[in-house]
Each structure stands twice: as structure tokens, then as C-alpha cells.
Amino acid sequence: MLPDHTEIYPTHFAGSACRNGMSGKPMPTLAFEKRFNPLLGIAAADQFVAALTRELPPMPANIAATVRANQGRP
């Protein structure tokens, strides 16, 4: 188990098209997330997935190119 002072380096920040409701804190700690992230209080896996996937924005138009670039493919 990691200590509460462990910093988390997210891949996205608030305002990202990938998820709404994200914290604006660039590198939160586990303690911060435990206190302020309501998703961490959901125990049932199916409810957690439902909460994460509810009201997702549409995928960006260039997502296929972005995925290829992230995978190192042309």
C-alpha cells in the first residue's frame, strides 16, 4: 500500500476532453484524492464503471490519429 503523501502524475488535467469533473490540481497526493474524489467511495465495480462512463463527451474527431501517434505508428 502506498503512503498518503504519494504524488499522482495524471495523464490529463481539468478541462481535458477525456473526462469532466477532474481536479485542477496538477499533481495531487493519494490523501487529496481519498478526501475529494467521490469515485473512490464507490465499492461495487459495476457502479464504479457506470459512474465513470456516464455523460462522456464525444470522442475527438482526430482520435484515430492520436491513438496511432501514441502507439508510435504512422
Protein backbone atom coordinates (compact mmCIF):
# COMPACT_ATOMS: atom_id res chain seq x y z
CA MET A 1 0.00 0.00 0.00
CA LEU A 2 1.34 3.42 -0.92
CA PRO A 3 1.59 6.20 1.69
CA ASP A 4 -0.91 9.08 1.55
CA HIS A 5 1.81 11.59 0.61
CA THR A 6 2.48 9.74 -2.69
CA GLU A 7 2.06 12.16 -5.60
CA ILE A 8 -0.04 11.12 -8.58
CA TYR A 9 1.06 12.23 -12.03
CA PRO A 10 -2.11 12.24 -14.15
CA THR A 11 -2.05 11.99 -17.91
CA HIS A 12 -4.86 14.56 -18.21
CA PHE A 13 -5.85 17.68 -16.32
CA ALA A 14 -9.09 19.55 -15.71
CA GLY A 15 -10.58 20.74 -18.97
CA SER A 16 -9.47 17.63 -20.84
CA ALA A 17 -11.89 16.29 -23.40
CA CYS A 18 -11.43 12.85 -21.86
CA ARG A 19 -13.24 13.43 -18.58
CA ASN A 20 -15.20 16.18 -16.91
CA GLY A 21 -15.14 16.85 -13.18
CA MET A 22 -11.40 16.42 -12.82
CA SER A 23 -9.46 18.33 -10.22
CA GLY A 24 -7.37 21.27 -11.36
CA LYS A 25 -4.56 20.15 -9.04
CA PRO A 26 -1.72 19.12 -11.39
CA MET A 27 -0.12 16.52 -9.08
CA PRO A 28 -2.45 15.50 -6.25
CA THR A 29 -1.49 13.11 -3.48
CA LEU A 30 -3.30 9.94 -2.54
CA ALA A 31 -4.60 11.73 0.58
CA PHE A 32 -6.07 14.53 -1.59
CA GLU A 33 -7.80 12.02 -3.87
CA LYS A 34 -9.15 10.00 -0.94
CA ARG A 35 -10.64 13.16 0.52
CA PHE A 36 -12.02 14.87 -2.59
CA ASN A 37 -12.61 12.20 -5.27
CA PRO A 38 -16.18 10.88 -4.85
CA LEU A 39 -15.49 7.96 -7.21
CA LEU A 40 -13.15 6.41 -4.63
CA GLY A 41 -16.12 5.87 -2.32
CA ILE A 42 -17.87 3.54 -4.77
CA ALA A 43 -17.25 -0.05 -3.68
CA ALA A 44 -19.17 -2.03 -6.30
CA ALA A 45 -17.26 -2.46 -9.57
CA ASP A 46 -20.36 -2.14 -11.77
CA GLN A 47 -21.39 1.12 -10.06
CA PHE A 48 -17.84 2.46 -10.39
CA VAL A 49 -17.77 1.74 -14.14
CA ALA A 50 -21.25 3.25 -14.58
CA ALA A 51 -20.16 6.44 -12.78
CA LEU A 52 -17.00 6.74 -14.90
CA THR A 53 -18.77 6.25 -18.20
CA ARG A 54 -21.84 8.41 -17.53
CA GLU A 55 -22.03 11.57 -19.62
CA LEU A 56 -18.78 11.12 -21.51
CA PRO A 57 -18.14 13.79 -24.14
CA PRO A 58 -17.97 12.65 -27.76
CA MET A 59 -14.61 11.37 -28.97
CA PRO A 60 -12.43 13.97 -30.68
CA ALA A 61 -12.57 13.86 -34.49
CA ASN A 62 -8.85 13.04 -34.74
CA ILE A 63 -8.82 10.24 -32.15
CA ALA A 64 -7.61 7.57 -34.61
CA ALA A 65 -4.54 9.67 -35.49
CA THR A 66 -3.88 10.38 -31.82
CA VAL A 67 -4.03 6.67 -30.92
CA ARG A 68 -1.65 5.80 -33.78
CA ALA A 69 0.79 8.51 -32.67
CA ASN A 70 0.63 7.30 -29.04
CA GLN A 71 1.41 3.78 -30.23
CA GLY A 72 4.34 5.02 -32.35
CA ARG A 73 2.63 4.08 -35.62
CA PRO A 74 2.38 6.35 -38.69
